[in-house]
């Protein structure tokens, strides 16, 4: 896996090394693609890989970096 960042479906910034929610990331570095997968390998989310904070700034992304313990969704969302 390649270290970096991606934006989740709530607009939060997450680390590819610890996305949280019991998920893990499969990163395609040349394509700058992040597949977020469940424990069983089901595709949960797709995103663009940003290797560094400078890459995020260059792209104009101002999302807040959240820890892996931050929930992906709430009970009100059906999760």
C-alpha atoms as a PDB file:
ATOM      1  CA  UNK A   1       0.000   0.000   0.000  1.00  0.00           C
ATOM      2  CA  UNK A   2       1.135   3.539  -0.684  1.00  0.00           C
ATOM      3  CA  UNK A   3       0.768   6.171   1.975  1.00  0.00           C
ATOM      4  CA  UNK A   4      -1.295   9.200   1.133  1.00  0.00           C
ATOM      5  CA  UNK A   5      -4.684  10.800   1.553  1.00  0.00           C
ATOM      6  CA  UNK A   6      -8.145  10.668   0.011  1.00  0.00           C
ATOM      7  CA  UNK A   7     -11.494  12.414   0.503  1.00  0.00           C
ATOM      8  CA  UNK A   8     -14.317  10.234   1.867  1.00  0.00           C
ATOM      9  CA  UNK A   9     -18.026  10.518   0.988  1.00  0.00           C
ATOM     10  CA  UNK A  10     -18.606  13.028   3.803  1.00  0.00           C
ATOM     11  CA  UNK A  11     -15.906  15.355   2.461  1.00  0.00           C
ATOM     12  CA  UNK A  12     -13.430  14.464   5.214  1.00  0.00           C
ATOM     13  CA  UNK A  13      -9.783  13.755   4.499  1.00  0.00           C
ATOM     14  CA  UNK A  14      -8.510  10.298   5.486  1.00  0.00           C
ATOM     15  CA  UNK A  15      -5.190   8.489   5.475  1.00  0.00           C
ATOM     16  CA  UNK A  16      -4.792   5.486   3.188  1.00  0.00           C
ATOM     17  CA  UNK A  17      -2.837   3.788   5.980  1.00  0.00           C
ATOM     18  CA  UNK A  18      -5.724   3.958   8.460  1.00  0.00           C
ATOM     19  CA  UNK A  19      -9.038   4.810   6.805  1.00  0.00           C
ATOM     20  CA  UNK A  20     -11.101   3.608   9.774  1.00  0.00           C
ATOM     21  CA  UNK A  21     -14.438   1.819   9.822  1.00  0.00           C
ATOM     22  CA  UNK A  22     -12.694  -1.551   9.663  1.00  0.00           C
ATOM     23  CA  UNK A  23     -11.829  -0.764   6.036  1.00  0.00           C
ATOM     24  CA  UNK A  24      -8.506  -0.975   4.214  1.00  0.00           C
ATOM     25  CA  UNK A  25      -7.220   0.696   1.061  1.00  0.00           C
ATOM     26  CA  UNK A  26      -5.943  -0.750  -2.177  1.00  0.00           C
ATOM     27  CA  UNK A  27      -3.910   1.968  -3.911  1.00  0.00           C
ATOM     28  CA  UNK A  28      -2.977   2.131  -7.593  1.00  0.00           C
ATOM     29  CA  UNK A  29      -0.120   4.632  -7.457  1.00  0.00           C
ATOM     30  CA  UNK A  30       0.309   5.335 -11.215  1.00  0.00           C
ATOM     31  CA  UNK A  31      -3.435   5.911 -11.604  1.00  0.00           C
ATOM     32  CA  UNK A  32      -3.673   7.874  -8.305  1.00  0.00           C
ATOM     33  CA  UNK A  33      -6.655   5.651  -7.430  1.00  0.00           C
ATOM     34  CA  UNK A  34      -7.806   4.547  -3.981  1.00  0.00           C
ATOM     35  CA  UNK A  35     -10.247   1.667  -3.532  1.00  0.00           C
ATOM     36  CA  UNK A  36     -11.605   1.469   0.011  1.00  0.00           C
ATOM     37  CA  UNK A  37     -12.525  -2.139   0.769  1.00  0.00           C
ATOM     38  CA  UNK A  38     -14.438  -3.883   3.532  1.00  0.00           C
ATOM     39  CA  UNK A  39     -12.985  -6.766   5.531  1.00  0.00           C
ATOM     40  CA  UNK A  40     -14.580  -9.112   2.975  1.00  0.00           C
ATOM     41  CA  UNK A  41     -13.113  -7.231   0.014  1.00  0.00           C
ATOM     42  CA  UNK A  42     -16.286  -5.429  -1.071  1.00  0.00           C
ATOM     43  CA  UNK A  43     -15.689  -2.040  -2.674  1.00  0.00           C
ATOM     44  CA  UNK A  44     -17.007   0.622  -0.284  1.00  0.00           C
ATOM     45  CA  UNK A  45     -15.636   3.848  -1.798  1.00  0.00           C
ATOM     46  CA  UNK A  46     -13.442   5.065  -4.664  1.00  0.00           C
ATOM     47  CA  UNK A  47     -11.274   8.177  -4.489  1.00  0.00           C
ATOM     48  CA  UNK A  48      -8.268  10.021  -5.862  1.00  0.00           C
ATOM     49  CA  UNK A  49      -4.925   9.543  -4.131  1.00  0.00           C
ATOM     50  CA  UNK A  50      -3.060  12.618  -2.927  1.00  0.00           C
ATOM     51  CA  UNK A  51       0.460  11.643  -1.849  1.00  0.00           C
ATOM     52  CA  UNK A  52       1.296  14.785   0.133  1.00  0.00           C
ATOM     53  CA  UNK A  53      -0.288  17.787   1.773  1.00  0.00           C
ATOM     54  CA  UNK A  54       1.279  19.885  -1.014  1.00  0.00           C
ATOM     55  CA  UNK A  55      -0.705  17.818  -3.549  1.00  0.00           C
ATOM     56  CA  UNK A  56      -3.902  18.584  -1.615  1.00  0.00           C
ATOM     57  CA  UNK A  57      -3.123  22.311  -1.569  1.00  0.00           C
ATOM     58  CA  UNK A  58      -2.342  22.280  -5.298  1.00  0.00           C
ATOM     59  CA  UNK A  59      -5.738  20.634  -5.947  1.00  0.00           C
ATOM     60  CA  UNK A  60      -7.483  23.243  -3.765  1.00  0.00           C
ATOM     61  CA  UNK A  61      -8.711  20.689  -1.239  1.00  0.00           C
ATOM     62  CA  UNK A  62      -9.291  22.134   2.206  1.00  0.00           C
ATOM     63  CA  UNK A  63     -10.879  19.086   3.850  1.00  0.00           C
ATOM     64  CA  UNK A  64     -10.276  18.314   7.511  1.00  0.00           C
ATOM     65  CA  UNK A  65      -8.013  15.320   8.230  1.00  0.00           C
ATOM     66  CA  UNK A  66      -9.875  12.918  10.505  1.00  0.00           C
ATOM     67  CA  UNK A  67      -8.431   9.984  12.465  1.00  0.00           C
ATOM     68  CA  UNK A  68      -9.335   6.384  11.664  1.00  0.00           C
ATOM     69  CA  UNK A  69     -11.569   6.384  14.751  1.00  0.00           C
ATOM     70  CA  UNK A  70     -13.824   9.016  13.134  1.00  0.00           C
ATOM     71  CA  UNK A  71     -17.035   7.288  11.913  1.00  0.00           C
ATOM     72  CA  UNK A  72     -17.764   7.056   8.210  1.00  0.00           C
ATOM     73  CA  UNK A  73     -21.488   7.386   8.795  1.00  0.00           C
ATOM     74  CA  UNK A  74     -24.029   7.715  11.557  1.00  0.00           C
ATOM     75  CA  UNK A  75     -26.965   5.587  12.705  1.00  0.00           C
ATOM     76  CA  UNK A  76     -29.309   8.156  11.111  1.00  0.00           C
ATOM     77  CA  UNK A  77     -27.705   7.248   7.762  1.00  0.00           C
ATOM     78  CA  UNK A  78     -28.709   3.610   8.177  1.00  0.00           C
ATOM     79  CA  UNK A  79     -25.313   2.341   9.350  1.00  0.00           C
END
